[in-house]
Amino acid sequence: MARKGQTFTTYTEALKRKVVHLKIEEGWSYQHLREKYGIKSDAQIAEWVMKVQNGESFDDHRGKWNQKNFDTLEAENAYLKGQVEYLKKRNPNLHGKE
C-alpha cells in the first residue's frame, strides 16, 4: 500500500513495449532489463509481459473509480455499469447466484 508522500515512477508505453519485446523475443533477464532501463522491480516487468500476453492495454486506471463529473450520459452509464460488474465479480451473492 502506498505511504503518504510516496512518489511513483511512470514509464512510457514505448518503453514498456520495448522491455516486453526484449524479455519475450530476445530472452533478456529481469536483472539486465532493470539495470539497463532503470525499472524498479522484476514484478513490474512481469506485469507488463502478462498484460501483453493477455492482450490487455497498458492504460492506467488508478483514480478513475471516483469520477463524479461526466461529459455525457453515455459516459456516466458506462462508468456505473463498470462499477456494477466489478461488484458482481467481487461478491457473486450480490446478484442472486449461490
N, C-alpha and C. Protein backbone atom coordinates (compact mmCIF):
# COMPACT_ATOMS: atom_id res chain seq x y z
N MET A 1 0.85 -1.18 0.00
CA MET A 1 0.00 0.00 0.00
C MET A 1 0.89 1.24 0.00
N ALA A 2 0.46 2.25 -0.68
CA ALA A 2 1.24 3.48 -0.80
C ALA A 2 1.25 4.23 0.53
N ARG A 3 2.39 4.83 0.80
CA ARG A 3 2.52 5.65 2.00
C ARG A 3 2.35 7.11 1.63
N LYS A 4 1.94 7.92 2.60
CA LYS A 4 1.74 9.34 2.37
C LYS A 4 3.05 9.97 1.89
N GLY A 5 2.97 10.73 0.82
CA GLY A 5 4.14 11.40 0.28
C GLY A 5 4.97 10.55 -0.66
N GLN A 6 4.59 9.28 -0.83
CA GLN A 6 5.34 8.39 -1.70
C GLN A 6 5.14 8.80 -3.16
N THR A 7 6.20 8.75 -3.92
CA THR A 7 6.10 9.07 -5.35
C THR A 7 6.28 7.79 -6.16
N PHE A 8 5.70 7.78 -7.34
CA PHE A 8 5.75 6.61 -8.19
C PHE A 8 6.43 6.96 -9.50
N THR A 9 7.16 6.00 -10.04
CA THR A 9 7.81 6.17 -11.33
C THR A 9 6.83 5.74 -12.41
N THR A 10 6.69 6.56 -13.43
CA THR A 10 5.85 6.19 -14.56
C THR A 10 6.74 5.92 -15.77
N TYR A 11 6.32 4.98 -16.57
CA TYR A 11 7.08 4.58 -17.75
C TYR A 11 6.22 4.77 -18.98
N THR A 12 6.83 5.17 -20.08
CA THR A 12 6.08 5.38 -21.32
C THR A 12 5.66 4.03 -21.89
N GLU A 13 4.61 4.07 -22.70
CA GLU A 13 4.15 2.83 -23.34
C GLU A 13 5.22 2.28 -24.27
N ALA A 14 5.97 3.16 -24.93
CA ALA A 14 7.04 2.72 -25.83
C ALA A 14 8.10 1.94 -25.06
N LEU A 15 8.48 2.44 -23.89
CA LEU A 15 9.48 1.73 -23.08
C LEU A 15 8.93 0.38 -22.63
N LYS A 16 7.68 0.35 -22.19
CA LYS A 16 7.09 -0.91 -21.74
C LYS A 16 7.10 -1.93 -22.87
N ARG A 17 6.71 -1.51 -24.06
CA ARG A 17 6.68 -2.43 -25.20
C ARG A 17 8.08 -2.92 -25.56
N LYS A 18 9.06 -2.02 -25.48
CA LYS A 18 10.44 -2.39 -25.79
C LYS A 18 10.95 -3.43 -24.78
N VAL A 19 10.69 -3.18 -23.49
CA VAL A 19 11.14 -4.10 -22.45
C VAL A 19 10.47 -5.46 -22.61
N VAL A 20 9.16 -5.46 -22.90
CA VAL A 20 8.45 -6.73 -23.09
C VAL A 20 9.02 -7.48 -24.29
N HIS A 21 9.29 -6.76 -25.37
CA HIS A 21 9.88 -7.39 -26.56
C HIS A 21 11.23 -8.02 -26.22
N LEU A 22 12.06 -7.28 -25.51
CA LEU A 22 13.38 -7.80 -25.16
C LEU A 22 13.27 -9.01 -24.25
N LYS A 23 12.31 -9.02 -23.36
CA LYS A 23 12.13 -10.14 -22.43
C LYS A 23 11.63 -11.38 -23.17
N ILE A 24 10.60 -11.20 -23.99
CA ILE A 24 9.97 -12.34 -24.65
C ILE A 24 10.79 -12.82 -25.85
N GLU A 25 11.11 -11.90 -26.74
CA GLU A 25 11.74 -12.28 -28.00
C GLU A 25 13.25 -12.50 -27.89
N GLU A 26 13.91 -11.66 -27.11
CA GLU A 26 15.36 -11.73 -27.02
C GLU A 26 15.86 -12.52 -25.80
N GLY A 27 14.96 -12.79 -24.85
CA GLY A 27 15.32 -13.59 -23.69
C GLY A 27 16.19 -12.88 -22.66
N TRP A 28 16.09 -11.56 -22.60
CA TRP A 28 16.88 -10.81 -21.61
C TRP A 28 16.41 -11.18 -20.20
N SER A 29 17.32 -11.11 -19.25
CA SER A 29 16.96 -11.40 -17.85
C SER A 29 16.30 -10.17 -17.23
N TYR A 30 15.55 -10.42 -16.16
CA TYR A 30 14.93 -9.31 -15.44
C TYR A 30 16.00 -8.35 -14.92
N GLN A 31 17.08 -8.89 -14.39
CA GLN A 31 18.14 -8.05 -13.83
C GLN A 31 18.74 -7.14 -14.90
N HIS A 32 19.01 -7.69 -16.07
CA HIS A 32 19.59 -6.91 -17.16
C HIS A 32 18.63 -5.79 -17.59
N LEU A 33 17.34 -6.12 -17.71
CA LEU A 33 16.36 -5.12 -18.10
C LEU A 33 16.24 -4.02 -17.04
N ARG A 34 16.22 -4.41 -15.76
CA ARG A 34 16.14 -3.42 -14.68
C ARG A 34 17.33 -2.47 -14.72
N GLU A 35 18.52 -3.01 -14.86
CA GLU A 35 19.73 -2.18 -14.87
C GLU A 35 19.79 -1.28 -16.09
N LYS A 36 19.45 -1.82 -17.24
CA LYS A 36 19.55 -1.05 -18.49
C LYS A 36 18.52 0.09 -18.56
N TYR A 37 17.28 -0.17 -18.10
CA TYR A 37 16.21 0.81 -18.27
C TYR A 37 15.75 1.47 -16.97
N GLY A 38 16.39 1.15 -15.86
CA GLY A 38 16.06 1.81 -14.59
C GLY A 38 14.70 1.46 -14.04
N ILE A 39 14.28 0.23 -14.26
CA ILE A 39 12.99 -0.23 -13.75
C ILE A 39 13.22 -0.76 -12.34
N LYS A 40 12.27 -0.45 -11.44
CA LYS A 40 12.49 -0.72 -10.02
C LYS A 40 12.36 -2.19 -9.61
N SER A 41 11.51 -2.97 -10.29
CA SER A 41 11.32 -4.34 -9.81
C SER A 41 11.04 -5.32 -10.95
N ASP A 42 11.35 -6.58 -10.67
CA ASP A 42 11.04 -7.65 -11.61
C ASP A 42 9.53 -7.80 -11.78
N ALA A 43 8.80 -7.58 -10.69
CA ALA A 43 7.34 -7.72 -10.72
C ALA A 43 6.71 -6.76 -11.72
N GLN A 44 7.28 -5.57 -11.85
CA GLN A 44 6.75 -4.59 -12.81
C GLN A 44 6.90 -5.11 -14.23
N ILE A 45 8.05 -5.65 -14.54
CA ILE A 45 8.29 -6.20 -15.88
C ILE A 45 7.37 -7.40 -16.12
N ALA A 46 7.25 -8.27 -15.13
CA ALA A 46 6.39 -9.45 -15.26
C ALA A 46 4.94 -9.05 -15.50
N GLU A 47 4.49 -7.98 -14.86
CA GLU A 47 3.13 -7.49 -15.07
C GLU A 47 2.94 -7.01 -16.50
N TRP A 48 3.92 -6.29 -17.03
CA TRP A 48 3.83 -5.83 -18.42
C TRP A 48 3.78 -7.01 -19.38
N VAL A 49 4.63 -8.00 -19.16
CA VAL A 49 4.66 -9.19 -20.02
C VAL A 49 3.30 -9.88 -19.99
N MET A 50 2.73 -10.03 -18.80
CA MET A 50 1.44 -10.69 -18.66
C MET A 50 0.35 -9.90 -19.39
N LYS A 51 0.38 -8.58 -19.29
CA LYS A 51 -0.61 -7.76 -19.99
C LYS A 51 -0.53 -7.96 -21.49
N VAL A 52 0.68 -7.98 -22.03
CA VAL A 52 0.85 -8.18 -23.47
C VAL A 52 0.37 -9.57 -23.87
N GLN A 53 0.72 -10.58 -23.09
CA GLN A 53 0.31 -11.94 -23.42
C GLN A 53 -1.20 -12.13 -23.32
N ASN A 54 -1.87 -11.37 -22.46
CA ASN A 54 -3.32 -11.45 -22.32
C ASN A 54 -4.06 -10.48 -23.23
N GLY A 55 -3.32 -9.72 -24.03
CA GLY A 55 -3.94 -8.77 -24.96
C GLY A 55 -4.53 -7.54 -24.29
N GLU A 56 -4.06 -7.21 -23.09
CA GLU A 56 -4.55 -6.04 -22.36
C GLU A 56 -3.72 -4.81 -22.72
N SER A 57 -4.29 -3.63 -22.46
CA SER A 57 -3.55 -2.40 -22.73
C SER A 57 -2.76 -1.98 -21.49
N PHE A 58 -1.88 -1.03 -21.68
CA PHE A 58 -1.07 -0.51 -20.58
C PHE A 58 -1.75 0.69 -19.90
N ASP A 59 -3.00 0.97 -20.23
CA ASP A 59 -3.69 2.12 -19.65
C ASP A 59 -3.71 2.04 -18.13
N ASP A 60 -3.53 3.17 -17.50
CA ASP A 60 -3.54 3.25 -16.04
C ASP A 60 -4.92 3.71 -15.61
N HIS A 61 -5.60 2.89 -14.83
CA HIS A 61 -6.97 3.21 -14.42
C HIS A 61 -7.05 3.67 -12.97
N ARG A 62 -5.91 3.93 -12.34
CA ARG A 62 -5.95 4.38 -10.95
C ARG A 62 -6.68 5.71 -10.84
N GLY A 63 -7.51 5.83 -9.82
CA GLY A 63 -8.19 7.09 -9.55
C GLY A 63 -9.43 7.35 -10.38
N LYS A 64 -9.76 6.49 -11.31
CA LYS A 64 -10.91 6.72 -12.17
C LYS A 64 -12.21 6.22 -11.55
N TRP A 65 -12.13 5.47 -10.44
CA TRP A 65 -13.35 4.99 -9.78
C TRP A 65 -14.06 6.10 -9.03
N ASN A 66 -13.41 7.19 -8.77
CA ASN A 66 -14.01 8.27 -8.00
C ASN A 66 -14.47 9.43 -8.88
N GLN A 67 -14.60 9.19 -10.14
CA GLN A 67 -15.01 10.23 -11.06
C GLN A 67 -16.45 10.66 -10.75
N LYS A 68 -16.67 11.96 -10.70
CA LYS A 68 -18.00 12.46 -10.36
C LYS A 68 -18.65 13.28 -11.47
N ASN A 69 -17.87 13.81 -12.38
CA ASN A 69 -18.40 14.62 -13.47
C ASN A 69 -18.19 13.90 -14.79
N PHE A 70 -19.24 13.86 -15.60
CA PHE A 70 -19.17 13.15 -16.87
C PHE A 70 -19.56 14.09 -17.99
N ASP A 71 -18.98 13.86 -19.16
CA ASP A 71 -19.28 14.69 -20.32
C ASP A 71 -20.65 14.36 -20.91
N THR A 72 -21.00 13.07 -20.88
CA THR A 72 -22.27 12.65 -21.47
C THR A 72 -22.96 11.64 -20.55
N LEU A 73 -24.23 11.43 -20.81
CA LEU A 73 -24.97 10.41 -20.08
C LEU A 73 -24.44 9.02 -20.39
N GLU A 74 -24.00 8.83 -21.63
CA GLU A 74 -23.44 7.54 -22.02
C GLU A 74 -22.17 7.22 -21.22
N ALA A 75 -21.34 8.23 -20.99
CA ALA A 75 -20.11 8.03 -20.21
C ALA A 75 -20.45 7.68 -18.77
N GLU A 76 -21.43 8.36 -18.21
CA GLU A 76 -21.84 8.06 -16.83
C GLU A 76 -22.43 6.66 -16.75
N ASN A 77 -23.25 6.29 -17.73
CA ASN A 77 -23.85 4.96 -17.76
C ASN A 77 -22.78 3.87 -17.85
N ALA A 78 -21.78 4.06 -18.70
CA ALA A 78 -20.69 3.09 -18.83
C ALA A 78 -19.92 2.97 -17.53
N TYR A 79 -19.69 4.09 -16.86
CA TYR A 79 -18.99 4.10 -15.58
C TYR A 79 -19.78 3.29 -14.54
N LEU A 80 -21.08 3.54 -14.45
CA LEU A 80 -21.91 2.84 -13.47
C LEU A 80 -22.02 1.35 -13.77
N LYS A 81 -22.12 1.00 -15.04
CA LYS A 81 -22.15 -0.41 -15.42
C LYS A 81 -20.84 -1.10 -15.02
N GLY A 82 -19.74 -0.41 -15.21
CA GLY A 82 -18.44 -0.96 -14.82
C GLY A 82 -18.36 -1.22 -13.32
N GLN A 83 -18.91 -0.30 -12.55
CA GLN A 83 -18.92 -0.48 -11.09
C GLN A 83 -19.76 -1.69 -10.70
N VAL A 84 -20.92 -1.85 -11.33
CA VAL A 84 -21.79 -2.98 -11.02
C VAL A 84 -21.08 -4.29 -11.37
N GLU A 85 -20.46 -4.36 -12.54
CA GLU A 85 -19.75 -5.57 -12.95
C GLU A 85 -18.60 -5.90 -11.99
N TYR A 86 -17.90 -4.89 -11.56
CA TYR A 86 -16.81 -5.09 -10.62
C TYR A 86 -17.35 -5.69 -9.32
N LEU A 87 -18.45 -5.14 -8.81
CA LEU A 87 -19.02 -5.65 -7.57
C LEU A 87 -19.56 -7.07 -7.73
N LYS A 88 -20.12 -7.37 -8.89
CA LYS A 88 -20.61 -8.74 -9.14
C LYS A 88 -19.45 -9.73 -9.10
N LYS A 89 -18.31 -9.37 -9.66
CA LYS A 89 -17.16 -10.26 -9.65
C LYS A 89 -16.60 -10.43 -8.25
N ARG A 90 -16.60 -9.35 -7.48
CA ARG A 90 -16.06 -9.40 -6.12
C ARG A 90 -16.95 -10.20 -5.18
N ASN A 91 -18.28 -10.14 -5.38
CA ASN A 91 -19.21 -10.81 -4.48
C ASN A 91 -20.37 -11.38 -5.30
N PRO A 92 -20.26 -12.63 -5.73
CA PRO A 92 -21.30 -13.22 -6.58
C PRO A 92 -22.67 -13.26 -5.92
N ASN A 93 -22.75 -13.24 -4.60
CA ASN A 93 -24.04 -13.28 -3.92
C ASN A 93 -24.84 -11.99 -4.10
N LEU A 94 -24.22 -10.93 -4.57
CA LEU A 94 -24.95 -9.67 -4.76
C LEU A 94 -26.00 -9.76 -5.87
N HIS A 95 -25.83 -10.68 -6.80
CA HIS A 95 -26.81 -10.77 -7.89
C HIS A 95 -27.52 -12.11 -7.90
N GLY A 96 -27.68 -12.71 -6.72
CA GLY A 96 -28.57 -13.85 -6.57
C GLY A 96 -27.98 -15.21 -6.89
N LYS A 97 -26.72 -15.32 -7.23
CA LYS A 97 -26.12 -16.62 -7.52
C LYS A 97 -25.48 -17.16 -6.24
N GLU A 98 -25.72 -18.42 -5.97
CA GLU A 98 -25.17 -19.03 -4.75
C GLU A 98 -23.85 -19.70 -5.04
